[in-house]
Amino acid sequence: MEDLASYGAEAARAAAAYIKQRVGAAWQTPVAGIVLGSGLGGLADRIESAVRIPFSHVPGFPVATVAGHAGQLLVGMLGGRPVVALAGRFHMYEGHDAALAAFPVRVLHALGAPVYIASNAAGGVRRTFSPGNLMIIADHMNLMFRNPLIGASEPGDERFPDMSDPYDRELRTLLHQCATSINVSVQEGVYCGLLGPTYETPSEVRMLERLGVDAVGMSTVPEVIVARALGMRVAAVSCITNKAAGLSPEKLDHSEVMEAGRAVAAQFESLITAFVQRLP
């Protein structure tokens, strides 16, 4: 069992101090912190003047183990604006507690990022979704049955954060405007976080569909909960990499998930770059 205190506010400040020291005189307070999901790490190559720090060097970060997650933290410029990006994330199905899965968000907050931008690969539960679609997350359902805020309240956290609008309405509107301006098609829907690492059964997918879920994955929810507890504004985009089980005769395979992510990567990268450029 991991020591939850190791992933709280004090640990986040220590990690942030290390990152700033590594960056040195080039450090600028980021306009956003970005986490890149499976197959979406290509955005890291658009970050200019990037200082790349392996996860294993950042205090409190374990090594990323999932294929498609480079396991690097990058500090640099995206669309002419300073950002911090994580090429990869930590998942509870790797054996980590929810507090560690969300710890990078605490570090982004400690670095001064007012906005958290999440991305993920997700299975399409909405029957009209096809691989390669981009979905702006409007709401989520936490069926991981874990919460990263369990335990003593951390300094700076809101004890009972309001989750009536976890994905900032104004930022969602801005994402839509950016998508229109660069001719990228996006939709909006509800994301469901499940624990994994197994993909869902057809019966589970039918249940999710009846519950009002549009896309399903194994991440993001713990991060968003902590971001909201810290007062960060949140925007998130899912890349629909496959139809969920039972909605297609195809078997699910992680390599195909990554390939679908790469296929839509250029549109995703252009959308997030335009979004960062227009952040207030």
Protein backbone atom coordinates (compact mmCIF):
# COMPACT_ATOMS: atom_id res chain seq x y z
CA MET A 1 0.00 0.00 0.00
CA GLU A 2 1.37 3.39 -1.01
CA ASP A 3 1.80 6.15 1.57
CA LEU A 4 -0.93 8.61 0.63
CA ALA A 5 0.90 11.47 2.36
CA SER A 6 3.64 11.04 -0.25
CA TYR A 7 1.22 12.34 -2.88
CA GLY A 8 -0.18 15.39 -1.12
CA ALA A 9 0.41 19.13 -1.22
CA GLU A 10 3.86 19.09 0.38
CA ALA A 11 5.13 16.38 -1.99
CA ALA A 12 3.72 18.32 -4.94
CA ARG A 13 5.59 21.45 -3.89
CA ALA A 14 8.82 19.45 -3.64
CA ALA A 15 8.32 18.01 -7.11
CA ALA A 16 7.51 21.46 -8.52
CA ALA A 17 10.66 22.92 -6.95
CA TYR A 18 12.75 20.20 -8.58
CA ILE A 19 11.16 20.83 -12.00
CA LYS A 20 11.76 24.58 -11.78
CA GLN A 21 15.37 23.94 -10.80
CA ARG A 22 15.85 21.64 -13.82
CA VAL A 23 14.39 24.24 -16.18
CA GLY A 24 16.40 27.07 -14.67
CA ALA A 25 16.37 30.58 -16.12
CA ALA A 26 14.00 29.54 -18.94
CA TRP A 27 11.17 28.88 -16.47
CA GLN A 28 7.85 30.62 -17.15
CA THR A 29 4.60 30.06 -15.28
CA PRO A 30 2.47 27.81 -17.52
CA VAL A 31 -0.93 28.85 -18.85
CA ALA A 32 -1.96 25.19 -18.69
CA GLY A 33 -0.88 21.75 -17.61
CA ILE A 34 -1.58 18.97 -20.14
CA VAL A 35 -1.72 15.20 -19.75
CA LEU A 36 -1.47 13.16 -22.95
CA GLY A 37 -3.26 9.81 -23.16
CA SER A 38 -2.51 6.61 -25.07
CA GLY A 39 -1.42 7.27 -28.64
CA LEU A 40 -1.72 11.04 -28.19
CA GLY A 41 1.84 11.77 -27.11
CA GLY A 42 2.72 13.31 -30.48
CA LEU A 43 1.67 16.70 -29.14
CA ALA A 44 4.89 16.61 -27.13
CA ASP A 45 6.82 17.02 -30.39
CA ARG A 46 5.05 20.35 -31.00
CA ILE A 47 6.32 21.79 -27.73
CA GLU A 48 9.20 24.11 -28.61
CA SER A 49 12.35 24.66 -26.55
CA ALA A 50 11.23 21.71 -24.45
CA VAL A 51 13.07 20.60 -21.34
CA ARG A 52 12.32 16.86 -21.04
CA ILE A 53 12.45 15.23 -17.63
CA PRO A 54 11.90 11.46 -17.24
CA PHE A 55 9.17 10.59 -14.76
CA SER A 56 11.70 8.57 -12.80
CA HIS A 57 13.63 11.79 -12.03
CA VAL A 58 10.63 13.70 -10.65
CA PRO A 59 10.21 13.27 -6.88
CA GLY A 60 7.12 11.16 -6.19
CA PHE A 61 6.68 9.95 -9.78
CA PRO A 62 6.98 6.23 -10.54
CA VAL A 63 8.05 4.95 -13.94
CA ALA A 64 5.30 4.81 -16.60
CA THR A 65 4.70 1.19 -17.62
CA VAL A 66 1.93 1.35 -20.24
CA ALA A 67 2.66 1.10 -23.96
CA GLY A 68 1.98 4.43 -25.66
CA HIS A 69 3.04 6.46 -22.61
CA ALA A 70 6.53 7.92 -23.03
CA GLY A 71 6.92 8.70 -19.34
CA GLN A 72 8.30 12.23 -19.68
CA LEU A 73 7.41 15.63 -18.28
CA LEU A 74 8.01 18.48 -20.72
CA VAL A 75 8.30 22.19 -20.05
CA GLY A 76 8.26 24.50 -23.06
CA MET A 77 6.19 26.57 -25.46
CA LEU A 78 3.07 25.43 -27.31
CA GLY A 79 1.58 27.86 -29.77
CA GLY A 80 3.78 30.54 -28.29
CA ARG A 81 2.44 29.99 -24.75
CA PRO A 82 4.28 28.35 -21.82
CA VAL A 83 2.95 24.91 -20.86
CA VAL A 84 3.87 21.86 -18.83
CA ALA A 85 2.90 18.54 -20.41
CA LEU A 86 3.05 14.95 -19.26
CA ALA A 87 3.57 12.39 -22.00
CA GLY A 88 1.85 9.59 -20.13
CA ARG A 89 0.05 9.10 -16.84
CA PHE A 90 -0.30 6.70 -13.91
CA HIS A 91 -3.28 4.34 -13.76
CA MET A 92 -4.86 2.60 -10.83
CA TYR A 93 -4.84 -0.68 -12.79
CA GLU A 94 -1.04 -0.56 -12.54
CA GLY A 95 -1.50 -1.01 -8.79
CA HIS A 96 -1.39 2.68 -7.85
CA ASP A 97 -3.74 4.35 -5.42
CA ALA A 98 -6.11 7.03 -6.69
CA ALA A 99 -4.02 9.63 -4.85
CA LEU A 100 -0.97 8.76 -6.97
CA ALA A 101 -3.00 8.60 -10.19
CA ALA A 102 -3.96 12.23 -9.50
CA PHE A 103 -0.63 13.38 -8.05
CA PRO A 104 0.68 14.89 -11.33
CA VAL A 105 -2.26 17.31 -11.26
CA ARG A 106 -1.14 18.50 -7.83
CA VAL A 107 2.31 19.09 -9.29
CA LEU A 108 0.88 21.04 -12.24
CA HIS A 109 -1.07 23.18 -9.77
CA ALA A 110 2.05 23.71 -7.65
CA LEU A 111 3.82 24.88 -10.84
CA GLY A 112 1.17 27.58 -11.22
CA ALA A 113 -0.99 26.13 -14.01
CA PRO A 114 -4.55 27.53 -13.65
CA VAL A 115 -6.00 25.18 -16.30
CA TYR A 116 -5.78 21.40 -16.50
CA ILE A 117 -6.17 19.86 -19.98
CA ALA A 118 -6.76 16.11 -19.94
CA SER A 119 -6.81 13.76 -22.91
CA ASN A 120 -7.44 10.06 -23.18
CA ALA A 121 -8.14 7.18 -25.51
CA ALA A 122 -11.68 5.91 -25.03
CA GLY A 123 -14.09 3.33 -26.34
CA GLY A 124 -17.18 4.67 -28.06
CA VAL A 125 -20.38 3.71 -26.27
CA ARG A 126 -22.55 6.12 -28.28
CA ARG A 127 -23.51 4.07 -31.30
CA THR A 128 -22.85 6.89 -33.77
CA PHE A 129 -19.22 7.19 -32.68
CA SER A 130 -16.49 5.80 -34.94
CA PRO A 131 -12.75 5.37 -34.35
CA GLY A 132 -11.04 8.70 -34.89
CA ASN A 133 -13.84 10.88 -33.50
CA LEU A 134 -12.91 13.53 -30.92
CA MET A 135 -15.23 14.04 -27.96
CA ILE A 136 -15.10 17.06 -25.67
CA ILE A 137 -15.94 15.74 -22.21
CA ALA A 138 -18.93 17.56 -20.73
CA ASP A 139 -19.34 15.39 -17.64
CA HIS A 140 -18.09 12.12 -16.21
CA MET A 141 -19.30 9.11 -14.27
CA ASN A 142 -16.95 7.63 -11.70
CA LEU A 143 -17.43 3.87 -11.76
CA MET A 144 -13.87 3.29 -10.57
CA PHE A 145 -15.35 3.45 -7.07
CA ARG A 146 -12.19 5.18 -5.85
CA ASN A 147 -11.70 8.82 -4.88
CA PRO A 148 -8.28 10.50 -4.60
CA LEU A 149 -9.54 12.86 -1.86
CA ILE A 150 -10.22 10.11 0.68
CA GLY A 151 -8.26 10.72 3.87
CA ALA A 152 -7.14 13.88 5.62
CA SER A 153 -7.83 17.02 3.61
CA GLU A 154 -4.69 18.46 2.02
CA PRO A 155 -3.79 22.13 2.51
CA GLY A 156 -5.38 24.11 -0.33
CA ASP A 157 -7.98 21.43 -1.13
CA GLU A 158 -11.68 22.11 -0.92
CA ARG A 159 -13.03 19.40 1.38
CA PHE A 160 -16.29 18.93 -0.54
CA PRO A 161 -15.64 20.16 -4.10
CA ASP A 162 -18.66 20.93 -6.25
CA MET A 163 -18.83 18.54 -9.21
CA SER A 164 -21.96 19.97 -10.83
CA ASP A 165 -19.83 21.35 -13.69
CA PRO A 166 -16.44 19.59 -13.48
CA TYR A 167 -15.51 20.42 -17.08
CA ASP A 168 -15.54 24.19 -17.33
CA ARG A 169 -18.42 25.39 -19.51
CA GLU A 170 -16.52 28.39 -20.93
CA LEU A 171 -13.52 26.24 -21.78
CA ARG A 172 -15.77 23.73 -23.55
CA THR A 173 -17.21 26.58 -25.59
CA LEU A 174 -13.68 27.71 -26.44
CA LEU A 175 -12.77 24.18 -27.56
CA HIS A 176 -15.76 24.14 -29.89
CA GLN A 177 -14.80 27.55 -31.28
CA CYS A 178 -11.21 26.42 -31.86
CA ALA A 179 -12.40 23.24 -33.58
CA THR A 180 -14.61 25.26 -35.92
CA SER A 181 -11.81 27.70 -36.72
CA ILE A 182 -9.42 24.94 -37.80
CA ASN A 183 -12.11 22.74 -39.41
CA VAL A 184 -11.82 19.85 -36.95
CA SER A 185 -14.99 17.91 -36.18
CA VAL A 186 -15.75 17.43 -32.47
CA GLN A 187 -18.67 16.15 -30.48
CA GLU A 188 -19.51 16.41 -26.78
CA GLY A 189 -20.50 13.75 -24.30
CA VAL A 190 -20.19 11.92 -21.00
CA TYR A 191 -17.04 9.95 -20.15
CA CYS A 192 -17.12 7.00 -17.75
CA GLY A 193 -14.02 5.95 -15.83
CA LEU A 194 -13.70 2.25 -15.02
CA LEU A 195 -10.86 0.64 -13.10
CA GLY A 196 -9.60 -1.75 -15.81
CA PRO A 197 -7.28 -3.22 -16.99
CA THR A 198 -9.78 -5.48 -18.75
CA TYR A 199 -11.89 -3.99 -21.49
CA GLU A 200 -15.62 -3.97 -20.81
CA THR A 201 -17.91 -6.89 -21.60
CA PRO A 202 -20.81 -6.38 -24.02
CA SER A 203 -23.20 -6.56 -21.04
CA GLU A 204 -21.28 -3.85 -19.23
CA VAL A 205 -21.37 -1.67 -22.33
CA ARG A 206 -25.14 -2.10 -22.62
CA MET A 207 -25.41 -1.02 -18.98
CA LEU A 208 -23.24 2.05 -19.59
CA GLU A 209 -25.31 2.99 -22.62
CA ARG A 210 -28.49 2.87 -20.54
CA LEU A 211 -26.83 4.98 -17.85
CA GLY A 212 -26.18 7.76 -20.39
CA VAL A 213 -22.46 7.17 -21.01
CA ASP A 214 -20.99 8.16 -24.40
CA ALA A 215 -17.37 6.99 -24.01
CA VAL A 216 -15.51 4.75 -21.57
CA GLY A 217 -11.91 4.55 -20.43
CA MET A 218 -9.59 3.80 -17.52
CA SER A 219 -8.21 7.19 -16.50
CA THR A 220 -8.88 10.93 -16.16
CA VAL A 221 -11.56 10.89 -13.44
CA PRO A 222 -9.20 10.93 -10.39
CA GLU A 223 -7.17 13.71 -12.00
CA VAL A 224 -10.24 15.87 -12.62
CA ILE A 225 -11.49 15.38 -9.06
CA VAL A 226 -8.21 16.67 -7.62
CA ALA A 227 -8.06 19.52 -10.14
CA ARG A 228 -11.49 20.68 -9.04
CA ALA A 229 -10.58 20.35 -5.36
CA LEU A 230 -7.62 22.64 -6.05
CA GLY A 231 -9.75 25.17 -7.94
CA MET A 232 -8.24 24.48 -11.36
CA ARG A 233 -10.38 24.92 -14.46
CA VAL A 234 -10.64 21.69 -16.46
CA ALA A 235 -11.00 20.88 -20.15
CA ALA A 236 -10.76 17.37 -21.56
CA VAL A 237 -10.89 15.58 -24.90
CA SER A 238 -11.36 11.88 -25.59
CA CYS A 239 -10.08 10.26 -28.74
CA ILE A 240 -12.57 7.53 -29.67
CA THR A 241 -10.23 4.72 -30.65
CA ASN A 242 -12.72 1.87 -31.01
CA LYS A 243 -16.36 0.95 -30.69
CA ALA A 244 -16.98 -0.51 -27.24
CA ALA A 245 -17.41 -4.27 -26.87
CA GLY A 246 -20.55 -5.66 -28.42
CA LEU A 247 -21.06 -2.68 -30.75
CA SER A 248 -18.67 -4.08 -33.33
CA PRO A 249 -17.56 -7.62 -34.30
CA GLU A 250 -13.94 -6.54 -33.87
CA LYS A 251 -11.91 -7.76 -30.89
CA LEU A 252 -10.31 -5.07 -28.71
CA ASP A 253 -6.54 -4.73 -28.69
CA HIS A 254 -4.33 -2.05 -27.08
CA SER A 255 -2.07 -1.80 -30.14
CA GLU A 256 -5.12 -0.92 -32.24
CA VAL A 257 -6.14 1.67 -29.65
CA MET A 258 -2.74 3.35 -30.02
CA GLU A 259 -2.92 3.16 -33.82
CA ALA A 260 -6.33 4.85 -33.81
CA GLY A 261 -4.92 7.53 -31.54
CA ARG A 262 -2.06 8.16 -33.93
CA ALA A 263 -4.49 8.33 -36.87
CA VAL A 264 -6.36 11.27 -35.35
CA ALA A 265 -3.29 12.75 -33.67
CA ALA A 266 -2.83 15.64 -36.13
CA GLN A 267 -6.37 16.89 -35.54
CA PHE A 268 -6.05 16.50 -31.77
CA GLU A 269 -2.71 18.30 -31.73
CA SER A 270 -4.02 21.17 -33.83
CA LEU A 271 -7.08 21.51 -31.59
CA ILE A 272 -5.11 21.63 -28.35
CA THR A 273 -2.52 24.01 -29.83
CA ALA A 274 -5.26 26.41 -30.97
CA PHE A 275 -6.95 26.09 -27.58
CA VAL A 276 -3.77 26.92 -25.65
CA GLN A 277 -3.15 29.93 -27.91
CA ARG A 278 -6.58 31.31 -27.05
CA LEU A 279 -6.57 30.65 -23.33
CA PRO A 280 -7.02 33.87 -21.29
